[in-house]
N, C-alpha and C. Protein backbone atom coordinates (compact mmCIF):
# COMPACT_ATOMS: atom_id res chain seq x y z
N MET A 1 274.70 122.75 178.82
CA MET A 1 273.40 123.31 178.55
C MET A 1 272.33 122.28 178.93
N ILE A 2 271.21 122.82 179.39
CA ILE A 2 270.11 121.95 179.83
C ILE A 2 268.77 122.53 179.41
N LEU A 3 267.77 121.69 179.44
CA LEU A 3 266.38 122.11 179.35
C LEU A 3 265.77 121.91 180.72
N VAL A 4 265.37 122.99 181.36
CA VAL A 4 264.72 122.91 182.66
C VAL A 4 263.23 122.70 182.41
N HIS A 5 262.66 121.72 183.08
CA HIS A 5 261.22 121.45 183.00
C HIS A 5 260.60 121.84 184.33
N ILE A 6 259.62 122.71 184.28
CA ILE A 6 258.92 123.17 185.47
C ILE A 6 257.45 122.86 185.27
N ILE A 7 256.87 122.07 186.17
CA ILE A 7 255.48 121.64 186.04
C ILE A 7 254.64 122.36 187.09
N ILE A 8 253.58 123.02 186.62
CA ILE A 8 252.76 123.89 187.47
C ILE A 8 251.29 123.60 187.18
N GLU A 9 250.44 123.93 188.13
CA GLU A 9 249.00 123.72 187.96
C GLU A 9 248.30 124.90 187.27
N LYS A 10 248.77 126.12 187.48
CA LYS A 10 248.08 127.32 186.99
C LYS A 10 248.92 128.10 185.98
N ARG A 11 248.27 128.53 184.92
CA ARG A 11 248.95 129.31 183.87
C ARG A 11 249.51 130.63 184.41
N GLU A 12 248.77 131.29 185.31
CA GLU A 12 249.22 132.58 185.85
C GLU A 12 250.54 132.41 186.60
N GLN A 13 250.65 131.33 187.37
CA GLN A 13 251.89 131.07 188.09
C GLN A 13 253.02 130.77 187.11
N ALA A 14 252.73 130.05 186.05
CA ALA A 14 253.74 129.76 185.04
C ALA A 14 254.28 131.04 184.43
N MET A 15 253.39 131.97 184.12
CA MET A 15 253.81 133.25 183.54
C MET A 15 254.65 134.04 184.53
N GLU A 16 254.28 134.00 185.81
CA GLU A 16 255.07 134.68 186.85
C GLU A 16 256.48 134.08 186.93
N ILE A 17 256.58 132.77 186.88
CA ILE A 17 257.87 132.09 186.93
C ILE A 17 258.71 132.43 185.71
N ILE A 18 258.12 132.38 184.54
CA ILE A 18 258.84 132.71 183.31
C ILE A 18 259.37 134.14 183.38
N ASP A 19 258.52 135.08 183.77
CA ASP A 19 258.91 136.48 183.85
C ASP A 19 260.08 136.67 184.82
N THR A 20 259.99 136.05 185.99
CA THR A 20 261.04 136.18 187.00
C THR A 20 262.36 135.58 186.52
N LEU A 21 262.30 134.37 185.96
CA LEU A 21 263.53 133.71 185.53
C LEU A 21 264.19 134.43 184.36
N LEU A 22 263.39 134.98 183.45
CA LEU A 22 263.97 135.75 182.34
C LEU A 22 264.54 137.07 182.84
N ASP A 23 263.84 137.74 183.76
CA ASP A 23 264.34 139.00 184.32
C ASP A 23 265.69 138.81 185.01
N LYS A 24 265.84 137.71 185.71
CA LYS A 24 267.08 137.44 186.45
C LYS A 24 268.14 136.77 185.57
N LYS A 25 267.83 136.61 184.29
CA LYS A 25 268.73 136.00 183.31
C LYS A 25 269.14 134.58 183.71
N LEU A 26 268.21 133.88 184.35
CA LEU A 26 268.45 132.48 184.70
C LEU A 26 268.02 131.55 183.57
N LEU A 27 267.21 132.05 182.65
CA LEU A 27 266.83 131.31 181.45
C LEU A 27 267.19 132.12 180.22
N PHE A 28 267.55 131.42 179.15
CA PHE A 28 267.78 132.04 177.85
C PHE A 28 266.44 132.33 177.17
N ASN A 29 265.56 131.35 177.22
CA ASN A 29 264.20 131.51 176.69
C ASN A 29 263.31 130.47 177.35
N ALA A 30 262.02 130.61 177.14
CA ALA A 30 261.08 129.67 177.76
C ALA A 30 259.93 129.36 176.82
N MET A 31 259.41 128.17 176.96
CA MET A 31 258.25 127.73 176.19
C MET A 31 257.20 127.25 177.18
N LEU A 32 255.96 127.58 176.94
CA LEU A 32 254.87 127.18 177.81
C LEU A 32 253.94 126.27 177.03
N SER A 33 253.52 125.19 177.66
CA SER A 33 252.66 124.23 176.99
C SER A 33 251.67 123.65 178.00
N GLU A 34 250.44 123.48 177.60
CA GLU A 34 249.45 122.82 178.44
C GLU A 34 249.40 121.35 178.05
N LYS A 35 249.48 120.49 179.05
CA LYS A 35 249.51 119.05 178.81
C LYS A 35 248.42 118.36 179.61
N LYS A 36 247.81 117.37 178.99
CA LYS A 36 246.86 116.51 179.71
C LYS A 36 247.64 115.35 180.28
N VAL A 37 247.61 115.22 181.61
CA VAL A 37 248.38 114.21 182.32
C VAL A 37 247.40 113.14 182.85
N PHE A 38 247.76 111.88 182.64
CA PHE A 38 246.92 110.77 183.07
C PHE A 38 247.56 110.05 184.24
N GLU A 39 246.74 109.68 185.21
CA GLU A 39 247.17 108.91 186.37
C GLU A 39 246.06 107.93 186.73
N LYS A 40 246.45 106.84 187.40
CA LYS A 40 245.46 105.90 187.94
C LYS A 40 245.11 106.34 189.35
N ASP A 41 243.84 106.37 189.67
CA ASP A 41 243.39 106.66 191.02
C ASP A 41 243.82 105.50 191.92
N SER A 42 244.52 105.82 193.03
CA SER A 42 245.06 104.76 193.88
C SER A 42 243.98 103.97 194.60
N ARG A 43 242.80 104.57 194.79
CA ARG A 43 241.72 103.85 195.49
C ARG A 43 240.85 103.06 194.54
N THR A 44 240.48 103.67 193.42
CA THR A 44 239.52 103.03 192.52
C THR A 44 240.18 102.34 191.33
N GLY A 45 241.41 102.70 191.01
CA GLY A 45 242.08 102.13 189.85
C GLY A 45 241.64 102.76 188.54
N GLU A 46 240.77 103.77 188.62
CA GLU A 46 240.27 104.43 187.40
C GLU A 46 241.33 105.37 186.84
N LEU A 47 241.31 105.49 185.52
CA LEU A 47 242.19 106.42 184.83
C LEU A 47 241.60 107.82 184.93
N LYS A 48 242.39 108.77 185.44
CA LYS A 48 241.93 110.14 185.58
C LYS A 48 242.92 111.05 184.88
N SER A 49 242.41 112.19 184.41
CA SER A 49 243.29 113.14 183.74
C SER A 49 243.11 114.52 184.35
N LYS A 50 244.16 115.32 184.19
CA LYS A 50 244.09 116.71 184.59
C LYS A 50 245.05 117.49 183.70
N ILE A 51 244.81 118.78 183.61
CA ILE A 51 245.67 119.64 182.81
C ILE A 51 246.77 120.21 183.70
N GLN A 52 248.01 120.12 183.22
CA GLN A 52 249.14 120.74 183.89
C GLN A 52 249.87 121.63 182.89
N ILE A 53 250.55 122.62 183.42
CA ILE A 53 251.31 123.54 182.60
C ILE A 53 252.77 123.13 182.67
N LEU A 54 253.40 123.04 181.51
CA LEU A 54 254.81 122.70 181.42
C LEU A 54 255.57 123.89 180.87
N VAL A 55 256.55 124.36 181.65
CA VAL A 55 257.46 125.40 181.19
C VAL A 55 258.79 124.71 180.91
N ILE A 56 259.32 124.93 179.72
CA ILE A 56 260.61 124.39 179.34
C ILE A 56 261.51 125.57 178.99
N GLY A 57 262.66 125.64 179.64
CA GLY A 57 263.58 126.74 179.38
C GLY A 57 264.99 126.25 179.15
N LYS A 58 265.67 126.90 178.20
CA LYS A 58 267.08 126.59 177.95
C LYS A 58 267.95 127.43 178.87
N THR A 59 268.98 126.81 179.41
CA THR A 59 269.90 127.55 180.27
C THR A 59 271.21 126.78 180.43
N LYS A 60 272.10 127.35 181.23
CA LYS A 60 273.35 126.68 181.58
C LYS A 60 273.08 125.67 182.69
N SER A 61 273.76 124.55 182.65
CA SER A 61 273.52 123.52 183.67
C SER A 61 273.87 124.02 185.07
N LEU A 62 274.86 124.89 185.19
CA LEU A 62 275.26 125.40 186.50
C LEU A 62 274.21 126.32 187.13
N LEU A 63 273.20 126.73 186.36
CA LEU A 63 272.16 127.61 186.90
C LEU A 63 270.98 126.84 187.49
N PHE A 64 270.96 125.51 187.34
CA PHE A 64 269.82 124.73 187.83
C PHE A 64 269.59 124.95 189.32
N ASN A 65 270.64 124.88 190.13
CA ASN A 65 270.48 125.06 191.58
C ASN A 65 269.97 126.45 191.92
N SER A 66 270.42 127.46 191.20
CA SER A 66 269.94 128.83 191.43
C SER A 66 268.45 128.94 191.12
N ILE A 67 268.02 128.31 190.05
CA ILE A 67 266.60 128.31 189.69
C ILE A 67 265.79 127.61 190.76
N ASN A 68 266.25 126.44 191.19
CA ASN A 68 265.54 125.68 192.21
C ASN A 68 265.45 126.47 193.51
N LYS A 69 266.54 127.08 193.95
CA LYS A 69 266.53 127.87 195.19
C LYS A 69 265.59 129.07 195.07
N LEU A 70 265.56 129.71 193.90
CA LEU A 70 264.66 130.84 193.70
C LEU A 70 263.20 130.40 193.80
N LEU A 71 262.87 129.28 193.19
CA LEU A 71 261.49 128.77 193.26
C LEU A 71 261.12 128.40 194.69
N ILE A 72 262.06 127.84 195.43
CA ILE A 72 261.81 127.52 196.84
C ILE A 72 261.58 128.80 197.63
N SER A 73 262.36 129.84 197.35
CA SER A 73 262.17 131.11 198.07
C SER A 73 260.84 131.76 197.71
N MET A 74 260.36 131.54 196.49
CA MET A 74 259.09 132.12 196.06
C MET A 74 257.89 131.35 196.61
N TYR A 75 257.99 130.01 196.66
CA TYR A 75 256.82 129.18 196.97
C TYR A 75 257.00 128.28 198.18
N GLY A 76 258.22 128.10 198.64
CA GLY A 76 258.48 127.30 199.85
C GLY A 76 257.83 125.94 199.82
N ASN A 77 257.43 125.48 200.97
CA ASN A 77 256.78 124.18 201.10
C ASN A 77 255.27 124.31 201.03
N THR A 78 254.79 124.96 200.00
CA THR A 78 253.35 125.11 199.80
C THR A 78 252.91 124.23 198.65
N ASN A 79 251.62 124.16 198.45
CA ASN A 79 251.10 123.38 197.32
C ASN A 79 251.36 124.08 195.99
N LYS A 80 251.88 125.32 196.04
CA LYS A 80 252.21 126.05 194.81
C LYS A 80 253.62 125.75 194.31
N MET A 81 254.42 125.06 195.12
CA MET A 81 255.79 124.75 194.71
C MET A 81 255.77 123.84 193.49
N PRO A 82 256.32 124.31 192.37
CA PRO A 82 256.31 123.48 191.17
C PRO A 82 257.30 122.32 191.27
N ARG A 83 257.06 121.32 190.44
CA ARG A 83 258.02 120.24 190.30
C ARG A 83 259.04 120.69 189.25
N ILE A 84 260.30 120.39 189.48
CA ILE A 84 261.35 120.86 188.57
C ILE A 84 262.38 119.75 188.36
N TYR A 85 262.80 119.60 187.11
CA TYR A 85 263.89 118.69 186.77
C TYR A 85 264.52 119.19 185.48
N CYS A 86 265.63 118.61 185.09
CA CYS A 86 266.27 119.07 183.85
C CYS A 86 266.72 117.89 183.00
N LEU A 87 266.90 118.19 181.74
CA LEU A 87 267.41 117.22 180.77
C LEU A 87 268.61 117.86 180.07
N PRO A 88 269.66 117.09 179.82
CA PRO A 88 270.82 117.68 179.15
C PRO A 88 270.53 117.93 177.67
N ILE A 89 271.15 118.98 177.16
CA ILE A 89 271.12 119.23 175.71
C ILE A 89 272.42 118.62 175.17
N VAL A 90 272.29 117.64 174.33
CA VAL A 90 273.45 116.92 173.82
C VAL A 90 274.19 117.76 172.78
N TYR A 91 273.45 118.43 171.93
CA TYR A 91 274.09 119.26 170.89
C TYR A 91 273.22 120.47 170.65
N MET A 92 273.87 121.60 170.41
CA MET A 92 273.15 122.83 170.08
C MET A 92 273.95 123.56 169.00
N ASP A 93 273.27 124.21 168.11
CA ASP A 93 273.92 125.02 167.09
C ASP A 93 274.90 125.98 167.78
N PRO A 94 276.14 126.09 167.30
CA PRO A 94 277.13 126.94 167.96
C PRO A 94 276.70 128.40 168.13
N GLU A 95 276.01 128.95 167.16
CA GLU A 95 275.56 130.34 167.29
C GLU A 95 274.53 130.49 168.40
N GLN A 96 273.60 129.54 168.48
CA GLN A 96 272.60 129.60 169.54
C GLN A 96 273.25 129.35 170.90
N SER A 97 274.22 128.48 170.94
CA SER A 97 274.95 128.22 172.18
C SER A 97 275.66 129.48 172.67
N GLU A 98 276.29 130.19 171.77
CA GLU A 98 276.98 131.45 172.13
C GLU A 98 275.98 132.49 172.61
N ALA A 99 274.83 132.59 171.95
CA ALA A 99 273.79 133.54 172.37
C ALA A 99 273.29 133.20 173.77
N LEU A 100 273.12 131.90 174.06
CA LEU A 100 272.69 131.49 175.39
C LEU A 100 273.72 131.90 176.44
N LEU A 101 274.99 131.71 176.16
CA LEU A 101 276.04 132.09 177.10
C LEU A 101 276.05 133.59 177.35
N GLU A 102 275.79 134.38 176.31
CA GLU A 102 275.82 135.83 176.43
C GLU A 102 274.60 136.38 177.16
N ARG A 103 273.44 135.73 177.02
CA ARG A 103 272.20 136.29 177.55
C ARG A 103 271.75 135.70 178.88
N THR A 104 272.60 134.88 179.50
CA THR A 104 272.30 134.37 180.83
C THR A 104 273.35 134.87 181.81
N VAL A 105 273.04 134.72 183.09
CA VAL A 105 273.93 135.19 184.16
C VAL A 105 275.33 134.60 183.98
N LYS A 106 276.33 135.42 184.19
CA LYS A 106 277.72 134.93 184.15
C LYS A 106 278.02 134.16 185.43
N ILE A 107 278.70 133.05 185.28
CA ILE A 107 279.01 132.21 186.45
C ILE A 107 280.51 132.27 186.70
């Protein structure tokens, strides 16, 4: 089991991604959060911030590549392509784990 993190610039795109991934049963569930991200400007050295949207979804680890390929097919090499990575879930309640297995695509 993993937590997929998808970072996007626009809330509308995040909702489109969540809807698509849930429809295709690639995610068990999803959480959306707006985050203020800080970076140093490479030219001036000033601290700058911007708002980014973070989608976190629980799923099977074997579905990560399918999710990534789907996002590539949706957004390709455009500036709309979200950044994606995953984190392992070390432990999950057995009932929730069983529900996740039942409600995602069979592999």
